[in-house]
C-alpha atoms as a PDB file:
ATOM      1  CA  MET A   1      13.536  12.026   7.666  1.00  0.00           C
ATOM      2  CA  THR A   2      14.738  15.326   6.327  1.00  0.00           C
ATOM      3  CA  ASN A   3      17.100  15.809   3.418  1.00  0.00           C
ATOM      4  CA  GLU A   4      19.319  17.998   5.613  1.00  0.00           C
ATOM      5  CA  ASP A   5      20.195  15.177   8.015  1.00  0.00           C
ATOM      6  CA  PRO A   6      20.518  11.813   6.261  1.00  0.00           C
ATOM      7  CA  MET A   7      21.185  10.058   9.575  1.00  0.00           C
ATOM      8  CA  SER A   8      17.993  11.149  11.309  1.00  0.00           C
ATOM      9  CA  ALA A   9      15.346   8.562  12.064  1.00  0.00           C
ATOM     10  CA  TYR A  10      12.246   8.059   9.982  1.00  0.00           C
ATOM     11  CA  GLN A  11       9.178   9.693  11.477  1.00  0.00           C
ATOM     12  CA  HIS A  12       6.273   8.217   9.502  1.00  0.00           C
ATOM     13  CA  ILE A  13       6.302   4.951   7.572  1.00  0.00           C
ATOM     14  CA  LEU A  14       3.672   4.010   4.996  1.00  0.00           C
ATOM     15  CA  ALA A  15       3.128   0.325   4.253  1.00  0.00           C
ATOM     16  CA  PRO A  16       0.944  -0.304   1.199  1.00  0.00           C
ATOM     17  CA  VAL A  17      -0.405  -3.862   1.210  1.00  0.00           C
ATOM     18  CA  ASP A  18      -2.405  -5.707  -1.425  1.00  0.00           C
ATOM     19  CA  LEU A  19      -3.995  -8.028   1.181  1.00  0.00           C
ATOM     20  CA  ARG A  20      -2.836 -11.099  -0.704  1.00  0.00           C
ATOM     21  CA  GLN A  21      -0.652 -13.993   0.325  1.00  0.00           C
ATOM     22  CA  HIS A  22       2.531 -12.079   1.226  1.00  0.00           C
ATOM     23  CA  SER A  23       1.122  -8.913   2.807  1.00  0.00           C
ATOM     24  CA  HIS A  24       2.241 -10.121   6.225  1.00  0.00           C
ATOM     25  CA  ILE A  25       5.890  -9.985   5.110  1.00  0.00           C
ATOM     26  CA  VAL A  26       5.612  -6.324   4.103  1.00  0.00           C
ATOM     27  CA  LEU A  27       3.691  -5.470   7.257  1.00  0.00           C
ATOM     28  CA  HIS A  28       6.238  -7.206   9.513  1.00  0.00           C
ATOM     29  CA  ARG A  29       9.128  -5.386   7.841  1.00  0.00           C
ATOM     30  CA  ALA A  30       7.343  -2.024   8.084  1.00  0.00           C
ATOM     31  CA  ALA A  31       6.456  -2.622  11.746  1.00  0.00           C
ATOM     32  CA  PHE A  32      10.070  -3.535  12.503  1.00  0.00           C
ATOM     33  CA  ALA A  33      11.316  -0.354  10.807  1.00  0.00           C
ATOM     34  CA  ALA A  34       8.738   1.697  12.714  1.00  0.00           C
ATOM     35  CA  SER A  35       9.851   0.194  16.026  1.00  0.00           C
ATOM     36  CA  MET A  36      13.546   0.760  15.227  1.00  0.00           C
ATOM     37  CA  HIS A  37      12.920   4.423  14.395  1.00  0.00           C
ATOM     38  CA  ASN A  38      10.131   5.019  16.918  1.00  0.00           C
ATOM     39  CA  ALA A  39       8.049   6.102  13.915  1.00  0.00           C
ATOM     40  CA  LYS A  40       4.344   6.194  13.184  1.00  0.00           C
ATOM     41  CA  LEU A  41       3.138   3.379  10.932  1.00  0.00           C
ATOM     42  CA  SER A  42       0.268   3.804   8.506  1.00  0.00           C
ATOM     43  CA  VAL A  43      -1.044   0.855   6.508  1.00  0.00           C
ATOM     44  CA  LEU A  44      -2.625   1.481   3.115  1.00  0.00           C
ATOM     45  CA  HIS A  45      -4.684  -0.645   0.760  1.00  0.00           C
ATOM     46  CA  VAL A  46      -5.810   0.659  -2.608  1.00  0.00           C
ATOM     47  CA  VAL A  47      -8.966  -0.621  -4.261  1.00  0.00           C
ATOM     48  CA  GLU A  48      -8.589  -0.197  -8.002  1.00  0.00           C
ATOM     49  CA  TYR A  49     -11.507   1.849  -9.267  1.00  0.00           C
ATOM     50  CA  LEU A  50     -13.934  -0.137 -11.422  1.00  0.00           C
ATOM     51  CA  PRO A  51     -14.989   1.728 -14.575  1.00  0.00           C
ATOM     52  CA  LEU A  52     -18.633   2.369 -15.320  1.00  0.00           C
ATOM     53  CA  ASP A  53     -20.561  -0.362 -17.094  1.00  0.00           C
ATOM     54  CA  PRO A  54     -20.880   0.882 -20.703  1.00  0.00           C
ATOM     55  CA  VAL A  55     -24.072  -1.127 -21.194  1.00  0.00           C
ATOM     56  CA  GLY A  56     -25.753   0.557 -18.233  1.00  0.00           C
ATOM     57  CA  ASP A  57     -27.081  -2.696 -16.793  1.00  0.00           C
ATOM     58  CA  THR A  58     -29.280  -1.610 -13.874  1.00  0.00           C
ATOM     59  CA  LEU A  59     -29.888  -5.117 -12.550  1.00  0.00           C
ATOM     60  CA  SER A  60     -26.327  -5.622 -11.401  1.00  0.00           C
ATOM     61  CA  PRO A  61     -24.668  -3.530  -8.705  1.00  0.00           C
ATOM     62  CA  THR A  62     -23.126  -0.329 -10.001  1.00  0.00           C
ATOM     63  CA  PRO A  63     -19.342  -0.165 -10.165  1.00  0.00           C
ATOM     64  CA  MET A  64     -19.387   2.377  -7.332  1.00  0.00           C
ATOM     65  CA  GLU A  65     -21.441   0.017  -5.132  1.00  0.00           C
ATOM     66  CA  VAL A  66     -18.978  -2.782  -5.837  1.00  0.00           C
ATOM     67  CA  THR A  67     -16.023  -0.475  -5.166  1.00  0.00           C
ATOM     68  CA  ASP A  68     -17.584   0.719  -1.893  1.00  0.00           C
ATOM     69  CA  GLU A  69     -18.122  -2.878  -0.797  1.00  0.00           C
ATOM     70  CA  LEU A  70     -14.529  -3.798  -1.689  1.00  0.00           C
ATOM     71  CA  ALA A  71     -13.303  -0.801   0.322  1.00  0.00           C
ATOM     72  CA  LYS A  72     -15.341  -1.887   3.366  1.00  0.00           C
ATOM     73  CA  GLN A  73     -13.975  -5.422   3.071  1.00  0.00           C
ATOM     74  CA  ALA A  74     -10.445  -4.036   2.810  1.00  0.00           C
ATOM     75  CA  GLU A  75     -10.904  -1.955   5.977  1.00  0.00           C
ATOM     76  CA  THR A  76     -11.976  -5.081   7.838  1.00  0.00           C
ATOM     77  CA  ARG A  77      -9.145  -7.178   6.410  1.00  0.00           C
ATOM     78  CA  ILE A  78      -6.456  -4.592   7.267  1.00  0.00           C
ATOM     79  CA  ALA A  79      -7.707  -4.456  10.861  1.00  0.00           C
ATOM     80  CA  GLU A  80      -7.739  -8.270  11.063  1.00  0.00           C
ATOM     81  CA  LEU A  81      -4.260  -8.566   9.561  1.00  0.00           C
ATOM     82  CA  CYS A  82      -2.766  -5.984  11.918  1.00  0.00           C
ATOM     83  CA  ASN A  83      -4.479  -7.671  14.864  1.00  0.00           C
ATOM     84  CA  GLU A  84      -3.310 -11.163  13.806  1.00  0.00           C
ATOM     85  CA  LEU A  85       0.277  -9.943  13.516  1.00  0.00           C
ATOM     86  CA  GLY A  86       0.168  -7.778  16.637  1.00  0.00           C
ATOM     87  CA  VAL A  87       1.081  -4.686  14.632  1.00  0.00           C
ATOM     88  CA  GLU A  88       0.135  -1.319  16.098  1.00  0.00           C
ATOM     89  CA  THR A  89      -0.687   1.344  13.541  1.00  0.00           C
ATOM     90  CA  HIS A  90      -1.125   5.093  13.539  1.00  0.00           C
ATOM     91  CA  GLN A  91      -3.669   4.791  10.715  1.00  0.00           C
ATOM     92  CA  GLN A  92      -5.278   2.157   8.542  1.00  0.00           C
ATOM     93  CA  ILE A  93      -6.195   3.728   5.222  1.00  0.00           C
ATOM     94  CA  VAL A  94      -8.225   2.462   2.268  1.00  0.00           C
ATOM     95  CA  ARG A  95      -8.219   4.516  -0.920  1.00  0.00           C
ATOM     96  CA  VAL A  96      -9.879   4.008  -4.298  1.00  0.00           C
ATOM     97  CA  GLY A  97      -7.991   4.731  -7.506  1.00  0.00           C
ATOM     98  CA  ALA A  98      -4.857   3.780  -9.418  1.00  0.00           C
ATOM     99  CA  THR A  99      -2.623   1.938  -6.965  1.00  0.00           C
ATOM    100  CA  GLN A 100       0.672   3.676  -7.712  1.00  0.00           C
ATOM    101  CA  ASP A 101      -0.927   7.143  -7.740  1.00  0.00           C
ATOM    102  CA  GLU A 102      -2.741   6.564  -4.455  1.00  0.00           C
ATOM    103  CA  ILE A 103       0.403   5.251  -2.749  1.00  0.00           C
ATOM    104  CA  VAL A 104       2.436   8.289  -3.774  1.00  0.00           C
ATOM    105  CA  GLU A 105      -0.382  10.731  -2.959  1.00  0.00           C
ATOM    106  CA  THR A 106      -1.077   9.143   0.436  1.00  0.00           C
ATOM    107  CA  ALA A 107       2.623   9.258   1.332  1.00  0.00           C
ATOM    108  CA  ARG A 108       2.703  12.951   0.415  1.00  0.00           C
ATOM    109  CA  GLU A 109      -0.524  13.789   2.269  1.00  0.00           C
ATOM    110  CA  GLN A 110       0.507  11.895   5.394  1.00  0.00           C
ATOM    111  CA  GLY A 111       4.049  13.243   5.421  1.00  0.00           C
ATOM    112  CA  ALA A 112       5.525   9.754   5.179  1.00  0.00           C
ATOM    113  CA  ASP A 113       9.287   9.729   4.831  1.00  0.00           C
ATOM    114  CA  LEU A 114       9.557   6.002   4.076  1.00  0.00           C
ATOM    115  CA  ILE A 115       7.376   3.701   1.991  1.00  0.00           C
ATOM    116  CA  VAL A 116       7.823  -0.030   2.639  1.00  0.00           C
ATOM    117  CA  ILE A 117       6.504  -1.848  -0.418  1.00  0.00           C
ATOM    118  CA  GLY A 118       6.503  -5.464  -1.555  1.00  0.00           C
ATOM    119  CA  ASN A 119       8.518  -6.323  -4.637  1.00  0.00           C
ATOM    120  CA  HIS A 120       7.422  -9.340  -6.658  1.00  0.00           C
ATOM    121  CA  GLU A 121       9.928 -10.830  -9.057  1.00  0.00           C
ATOM    122  CA  ARG A 122       8.448 -11.044 -12.543  1.00  0.00           C
ATOM    123  CA  HIS A 123       9.197 -13.550 -15.294  1.00  0.00           C
ATOM    124  CA  GLY A 124       8.093 -13.949 -18.887  1.00  0.00           C
ATOM    125  CA  LEU A 125       5.227 -11.727 -19.958  1.00  0.00           C
ATOM    126  CA  GLY A 126       4.945 -10.266 -16.458  1.00  0.00           C
ATOM    127  CA  VAL A 127       8.121  -8.278 -17.134  1.00  0.00           C
ATOM    128  CA  LEU A 128       6.393  -6.463 -19.997  1.00  0.00           C
ATOM    129  CA  PHE A 129       3.532  -5.133 -17.920  1.00  0.00           C
ATOM    130  CA  SER A 130       3.687  -2.078 -15.700  1.00  0.00           C
ATOM    131  CA  ARG A 131       4.730  -2.765 -12.121  1.00  0.00           C
ATOM    132  CA  THR A 132       3.298  -0.762  -9.264  1.00  0.00           C
ATOM    133  CA  GLU A 133       6.510  -0.845  -7.251  1.00  0.00           C
ATOM    134  CA  ASP A 134       8.537   0.546 -10.190  1.00  0.00           C
ATOM    135  CA  ARG A 135       6.113   3.411 -10.688  1.00  0.00           C
ATOM    136  CA  VAL A 136       6.128   4.246  -6.978  1.00  0.00           C
ATOM    137  CA  LEU A 137       9.935   4.163  -6.930  1.00  0.00           C
ATOM    138  CA  HIS A 138      10.121   6.721  -9.724  1.00  0.00           C
ATOM    139  CA  SER A 139       7.258   8.941  -8.491  1.00  0.00           C
ATOM    140  CA  ALA A 140       7.637   9.114  -4.717  1.00  0.00           C
ATOM    141  CA  THR A 141       9.623  11.915  -3.120  1.00  0.00           C
ATOM    142  CA  CYS A 142      10.495   9.933   0.010  1.00  0.00           C
ATOM    143  CA  ASP A 143      12.679   6.890   0.604  1.00  0.00           C
ATOM    144  CA  ILE A 144      11.481   3.469  -0.532  1.00  0.00           C
ATOM    145  CA  LEU A 145      12.246   0.111   1.055  1.00  0.00           C
ATOM    146  CA  ALA A 146      11.423  -2.654  -1.417  1.00  0.00           C
ATOM    147  CA  VAL A 147      10.828  -5.940   0.388  1.00  0.00           C
ATOM    148  CA  HIS A 148      11.619  -8.963  -1.764  1.00  0.00           C
ATOM    149  CA  LEU A 149       8.629 -11.299  -1.813  1.00  0.00           C
ATOM    150  CA  PRO A 150       8.583 -14.962  -2.829  1.00  0.00           C
ATOM    151  CA  THR A 151       7.257 -15.755  -6.277  1.00  0.00           C
ATOM    152  CA  ASP A 152       3.764 -17.203  -6.288  1.00  0.00           C
END
């Protein structure tokens, strides 16, 4: 969607999913939006990068090996989830890094004009900690659709 024409349809929708319990809700909403706008749909999962082991323990897998394995598992899980839900995608992307940064960067790189992201309600101490969806909202240059998710 361009800034010049606020009524034009979205062209490319990015749906970041955490592959947890409520990912299907976000994916359904993103797929519906994509079908309504005849837009491309890309699904993204971000594997948080594991820092290096300061002890240098060589008997355990290195953080990069663990991260690579988590990324491979995520690729498989995204494909399974999309297949289970009957969602057709333009791309299924797995990135490694800080979740909010990778979401914003992927949206920019892919030319996404809408990000459909899950929004978990927080209570108690959870309110004090940084929330990915808040950071994406304030950093992204495209529209954001925050999908309310049930509390766990």
